Structures are given as C-alpha cells and as structure tokens.
N, C-alpha and C. Protein backbone atom coordinates (compact mmCIF):
# COMPACT_ATOMS: atom_id res chain seq x y z
N UNK A 1 -27.32 -49.82 -63.26
CA UNK A 1 -27.95 -51.13 -63.21
C UNK A 1 -28.53 -51.40 -61.83
N UNK A 2 -27.82 -51.00 -60.79
CA UNK A 2 -28.31 -51.25 -59.43
C UNK A 2 -29.61 -50.50 -59.17
N UNK A 3 -29.76 -49.29 -59.76
CA UNK A 3 -31.00 -48.53 -59.58
C UNK A 3 -32.19 -49.28 -60.15
N UNK A 4 -32.02 -49.87 -61.31
CA UNK A 4 -33.12 -50.60 -61.95
C UNK A 4 -33.55 -51.79 -61.11
N UNK A 5 -32.62 -52.41 -60.44
CA UNK A 5 -32.94 -53.56 -59.61
C UNK A 5 -33.72 -53.16 -58.36
N UNK A 6 -33.54 -51.93 -57.89
CA UNK A 6 -34.21 -51.47 -56.68
C UNK A 6 -35.61 -50.95 -56.95
N UNK A 7 -35.91 -50.62 -58.21
CA UNK A 7 -37.22 -50.10 -58.55
C UNK A 7 -38.25 -51.21 -58.43
N UNK A 8 -39.41 -50.85 -57.89
CA UNK A 8 -40.48 -51.83 -57.83
C UNK A 8 -41.52 -51.47 -58.88
N UNK A 9 -42.26 -52.44 -59.31
CA UNK A 9 -43.28 -52.17 -60.31
C UNK A 9 -44.61 -51.91 -59.61
N UNK A 10 -45.46 -51.20 -60.26
CA UNK A 10 -46.78 -50.92 -59.73
C UNK A 10 -47.77 -51.85 -60.40
N UNK A 11 -48.43 -52.65 -59.62
CA UNK A 11 -49.42 -53.57 -60.17
C UNK A 11 -50.74 -52.83 -60.35
N UNK A 12 -51.51 -53.19 -61.37
CA UNK A 12 -52.78 -52.51 -61.62
C UNK A 12 -53.71 -52.61 -60.41
N UNK A 13 -54.44 -51.53 -60.16
CA UNK A 13 -55.36 -51.49 -59.02
C UNK A 13 -56.47 -52.52 -59.14
N UNK A 14 -56.83 -52.90 -60.37
CA UNK A 14 -57.91 -53.86 -60.57
C UNK A 14 -57.42 -55.31 -60.70
N UNK A 15 -56.13 -55.55 -60.40
CA UNK A 15 -55.57 -56.90 -60.52
C UNK A 15 -56.13 -57.81 -59.42
N UNK A 16 -56.23 -59.07 -59.77
CA UNK A 16 -56.65 -60.11 -58.81
C UNK A 16 -55.47 -61.05 -58.59
N UNK A 17 -55.52 -61.76 -57.51
CA UNK A 17 -54.45 -62.70 -57.15
C UNK A 17 -54.90 -64.12 -57.45
N UNK A 18 -53.97 -64.96 -57.89
CA UNK A 18 -54.28 -66.36 -58.18
C UNK A 18 -53.00 -67.19 -58.12
N UNK A 19 -53.19 -68.51 -58.16
CA UNK A 19 -52.08 -69.44 -58.26
C UNK A 19 -52.23 -70.19 -59.57
N UNK A 20 -51.12 -70.29 -60.31
CA UNK A 20 -51.15 -70.97 -61.60
C UNK A 20 -51.23 -72.48 -61.43
N UNK A 21 -51.98 -73.12 -62.31
CA UNK A 21 -52.04 -74.57 -62.35
C UNK A 21 -51.03 -75.09 -63.37
N UNK A 22 -51.20 -76.33 -63.77
CA UNK A 22 -50.31 -76.94 -64.76
C UNK A 22 -50.45 -76.23 -66.10
N UNK A 23 -49.37 -76.19 -66.89
CA UNK A 23 -49.41 -75.53 -68.19
C UNK A 23 -50.51 -76.12 -69.08
N UNK A 24 -51.12 -75.24 -69.86
CA UNK A 24 -52.21 -75.61 -70.76
C UNK A 24 -51.86 -75.16 -72.18
N UNK A 25 -52.50 -75.79 -73.18
CA UNK A 25 -52.27 -75.32 -74.56
C UNK A 25 -52.87 -73.93 -74.75
N UNK A 26 -52.34 -73.18 -75.70
CA UNK A 26 -52.88 -71.86 -76.03
C UNK A 26 -54.33 -72.01 -76.42
N UNK A 27 -55.19 -71.11 -76.10
CA UNK A 27 -55.00 -69.89 -75.33
C UNK A 27 -55.53 -70.01 -73.91
N UNK A 28 -55.25 -71.11 -73.23
CA UNK A 28 -55.81 -71.35 -71.91
C UNK A 28 -54.75 -71.37 -70.81
N UNK A 29 -55.21 -71.12 -69.59
CA UNK A 29 -54.37 -71.22 -68.40
C UNK A 29 -55.29 -71.67 -67.27
N UNK A 30 -54.69 -72.21 -66.22
CA UNK A 30 -55.48 -72.59 -65.04
C UNK A 30 -55.10 -71.65 -63.91
N UNK A 31 -56.12 -70.94 -63.39
CA UNK A 31 -55.93 -70.01 -62.27
C UNK A 31 -56.82 -70.46 -61.13
N UNK A 32 -56.22 -70.74 -60.00
CA UNK A 32 -56.97 -71.21 -58.82
C UNK A 32 -57.84 -72.42 -59.15
N UNK A 33 -57.33 -73.32 -59.99
CA UNK A 33 -58.05 -74.54 -60.32
C UNK A 33 -59.11 -74.39 -61.40
N UNK A 34 -59.28 -73.19 -61.95
CA UNK A 34 -60.29 -72.94 -62.96
C UNK A 34 -59.62 -72.64 -64.30
N UNK A 35 -60.10 -73.26 -65.38
CA UNK A 35 -59.54 -72.99 -66.70
C UNK A 35 -60.09 -71.67 -67.21
N UNK A 36 -59.18 -70.79 -67.63
CA UNK A 36 -59.55 -69.48 -68.15
C UNK A 36 -58.92 -69.30 -69.53
N UNK A 37 -59.47 -68.38 -70.28
CA UNK A 37 -58.98 -68.09 -71.63
C UNK A 37 -58.11 -66.83 -71.58
N UNK A 38 -56.97 -66.89 -72.28
CA UNK A 38 -56.12 -65.70 -72.41
C UNK A 38 -56.66 -64.86 -73.56
N UNK A 39 -56.66 -63.56 -73.38
CA UNK A 39 -57.12 -62.64 -74.42
C UNK A 39 -56.13 -62.65 -75.58
N UNK A 40 -56.61 -62.35 -76.79
CA UNK A 40 -55.66 -62.16 -77.89
C UNK A 40 -54.72 -61.01 -77.51
N UNK A 41 -53.44 -61.22 -77.65
CA UNK A 41 -52.47 -60.19 -77.29
C UNK A 41 -52.17 -60.12 -75.81
N UNK A 42 -52.55 -61.13 -75.04
CA UNK A 42 -52.26 -61.15 -73.61
C UNK A 42 -50.75 -61.03 -73.39
N UNK A 43 -50.37 -60.32 -72.34
CA UNK A 43 -48.96 -60.14 -72.02
C UNK A 43 -48.69 -60.75 -70.66
N UNK A 44 -47.59 -61.50 -70.57
CA UNK A 44 -47.21 -62.17 -69.34
C UNK A 44 -45.85 -61.62 -68.91
N UNK A 45 -45.78 -61.17 -67.64
CA UNK A 45 -44.54 -60.62 -67.10
C UNK A 45 -43.99 -61.54 -66.03
N UNK A 46 -42.67 -61.83 -66.10
CA UNK A 46 -42.06 -62.65 -65.06
C UNK A 46 -41.77 -61.77 -63.85
N UNK A 47 -41.16 -62.34 -62.84
CA UNK A 47 -40.92 -61.60 -61.59
C UNK A 47 -39.88 -60.49 -61.76
N UNK A 48 -39.15 -60.49 -62.87
CA UNK A 48 -38.21 -59.42 -63.17
C UNK A 48 -38.81 -58.40 -64.14
N UNK A 49 -40.12 -58.51 -64.37
CA UNK A 49 -40.90 -57.61 -65.22
C UNK A 49 -40.54 -57.70 -66.70
N UNK A 50 -40.02 -58.85 -67.11
CA UNK A 50 -39.75 -59.10 -68.53
C UNK A 50 -40.93 -59.84 -69.11
N UNK A 51 -41.30 -59.55 -70.36
CA UNK A 51 -42.40 -60.29 -70.96
C UNK A 51 -41.90 -61.68 -71.37
N UNK A 52 -42.74 -62.67 -71.12
CA UNK A 52 -42.39 -64.06 -71.42
C UNK A 52 -43.54 -64.70 -72.19
N UNK A 53 -43.29 -65.85 -72.78
CA UNK A 53 -44.32 -66.59 -73.51
C UNK A 53 -45.07 -67.51 -72.55
N UNK A 54 -46.25 -67.91 -72.95
CA UNK A 54 -47.10 -68.73 -72.10
C UNK A 54 -46.42 -70.03 -71.67
N UNK A 55 -45.65 -70.64 -72.54
CA UNK A 55 -44.98 -71.90 -72.21
C UNK A 55 -43.98 -71.76 -71.07
N UNK A 56 -43.59 -70.52 -70.75
CA UNK A 56 -42.62 -70.29 -69.68
C UNK A 56 -43.31 -70.08 -68.32
N UNK A 57 -44.64 -70.14 -68.27
CA UNK A 57 -45.35 -69.96 -67.00
C UNK A 57 -45.05 -71.14 -66.06
N UNK A 58 -44.55 -70.87 -64.87
CA UNK A 58 -44.24 -71.94 -63.93
C UNK A 58 -45.48 -72.37 -63.13
N UNK A 59 -45.80 -73.64 -63.16
CA UNK A 59 -46.93 -74.14 -62.37
C UNK A 59 -46.70 -73.84 -60.90
N UNK A 60 -47.76 -73.42 -60.22
CA UNK A 60 -47.68 -73.14 -58.80
C UNK A 60 -47.26 -71.72 -58.46
N UNK A 61 -46.92 -70.92 -59.47
CA UNK A 61 -46.51 -69.54 -59.21
C UNK A 61 -47.70 -68.71 -58.75
N UNK A 62 -47.44 -67.79 -57.83
CA UNK A 62 -48.47 -66.86 -57.38
C UNK A 62 -48.41 -65.65 -58.31
N UNK A 63 -49.57 -65.26 -58.82
CA UNK A 63 -49.63 -64.20 -59.81
C UNK A 63 -50.67 -63.14 -59.46
N UNK A 64 -50.57 -62.02 -60.15
CA UNK A 64 -51.63 -61.03 -60.21
C UNK A 64 -52.05 -61.02 -61.67
N UNK A 65 -53.34 -60.83 -61.92
CA UNK A 65 -53.80 -60.80 -63.31
C UNK A 65 -54.93 -59.82 -63.48
N UNK A 66 -55.08 -59.36 -64.73
CA UNK A 66 -56.20 -58.50 -65.08
C UNK A 66 -56.96 -59.15 -66.23
N UNK A 67 -58.20 -58.73 -66.39
CA UNK A 67 -59.03 -59.27 -67.46
C UNK A 67 -59.47 -58.14 -68.39
N UNK A 68 -59.87 -58.52 -69.60
CA UNK A 68 -60.39 -57.54 -70.55
C UNK A 68 -61.91 -57.45 -70.41
N UNK A 69 -62.56 -56.70 -71.27
CA UNK A 69 -64.01 -56.50 -71.15
C UNK A 69 -64.81 -57.78 -71.39
N UNK A 70 -64.17 -58.78 -72.02
CA UNK A 70 -64.84 -60.06 -72.26
C UNK A 70 -64.59 -61.08 -71.15
N UNK A 71 -63.80 -60.71 -70.15
CA UNK A 71 -63.48 -61.62 -69.05
C UNK A 71 -62.27 -62.50 -69.32
N UNK A 72 -61.60 -62.30 -70.45
CA UNK A 72 -60.39 -63.06 -70.76
C UNK A 72 -59.19 -62.43 -70.06
N UNK A 73 -58.22 -63.24 -69.69
CA UNK A 73 -57.03 -62.75 -68.99
C UNK A 73 -56.17 -61.93 -69.96
N UNK A 74 -55.96 -60.66 -69.62
CA UNK A 74 -55.22 -59.75 -70.49
C UNK A 74 -53.76 -59.60 -70.07
N UNK A 75 -53.50 -59.61 -68.78
CA UNK A 75 -52.14 -59.45 -68.25
C UNK A 75 -51.93 -60.41 -67.09
N UNK A 76 -50.74 -60.98 -67.03
CA UNK A 76 -50.34 -61.83 -65.91
C UNK A 76 -49.01 -61.31 -65.41
N UNK A 77 -48.91 -61.14 -64.10
CA UNK A 77 -47.68 -60.70 -63.45
C UNK A 77 -47.28 -61.77 -62.44
N UNK A 78 -46.15 -62.45 -62.67
CA UNK A 78 -45.65 -63.40 -61.69
C UNK A 78 -45.08 -62.59 -60.54
N UNK A 79 -45.59 -62.81 -59.33
CA UNK A 79 -45.22 -61.99 -58.19
C UNK A 79 -43.91 -62.44 -57.54
N UNK A 80 -43.14 -61.46 -57.12
CA UNK A 80 -41.94 -61.74 -56.34
C UNK A 80 -42.38 -62.08 -54.92
N UNK A 81 -41.47 -62.57 -54.10
CA UNK A 81 -41.81 -62.88 -52.71
C UNK A 81 -42.29 -61.62 -51.99
N UNK A 82 -41.66 -60.50 -52.24
CA UNK A 82 -42.07 -59.23 -51.61
C UNK A 82 -43.47 -58.83 -52.07
N UNK A 83 -43.74 -58.93 -53.36
CA UNK A 83 -45.07 -58.58 -53.88
C UNK A 83 -46.14 -59.52 -53.30
N UNK A 84 -45.80 -60.79 -53.14
CA UNK A 84 -46.75 -61.74 -52.57
C UNK A 84 -47.13 -61.30 -51.15
N UNK A 85 -46.16 -60.81 -50.40
CA UNK A 85 -46.42 -60.38 -49.03
C UNK A 85 -47.22 -59.09 -48.97
N UNK A 86 -47.03 -58.22 -49.96
CA UNK A 86 -47.65 -56.90 -49.94
C UNK A 86 -48.94 -56.80 -50.74
N UNK A 87 -49.12 -57.64 -51.76
CA UNK A 87 -50.27 -57.49 -52.66
C UNK A 87 -51.47 -58.24 -52.12
N UNK A 88 -52.45 -57.49 -51.68
CA UNK A 88 -53.69 -58.06 -51.14
C UNK A 88 -54.86 -57.35 -51.80
N UNK A 89 -55.29 -57.82 -52.98
CA UNK A 89 -56.39 -57.15 -53.67
C UNK A 89 -57.69 -57.26 -52.88
N UNK A 90 -58.57 -56.31 -53.12
CA UNK A 90 -59.85 -56.30 -52.42
C UNK A 90 -60.85 -57.21 -53.07
C-alpha cells in the first residue's frame, strides 16, 4: 500500500492548466471563468487518481485538462499541491 501512495501519475503532455469555477449542470463546467462543455464519456480524476462524478468537482480546484477533437473537455485531473508546483504546460 505504501508503494502505491509514493507513485506519481503522469499527466498528458497536451494537458492545459485551469482553475475550476462554481459547479454547473451537466454537461458543463467553468474553467478559468469560461463555460466549457464536457465530452460524452468525459473522465474526472481526483487528486488521488480515482475517477469521480462531475458533482464532486470542488470549486476553486486547480486542474489539468485535455480536450477531444471537437474542443470538449475529455479528461480532468485535480492537481495535488506537488503537481501544481511542477506542472507548467507550454
């Protein structure tokens, strides 16, 4: 169990950074003050890398996210404090 806790996850190279706004009804979210659409089948990971439902997204959380070919948000990763310090997308 201790080994699993020490492992870090690898964030996608094409991920962008954002801050979550207030919770929105499906299939929307607010990223950096802009309303965006979640892709069908979007997956959201908490800071422990567990998948969670959209209603569990904490407002104000710093995240990394990816989009699909239509520009909809496909993956959201809630960043840990360490990831926030280290993740600086281009």
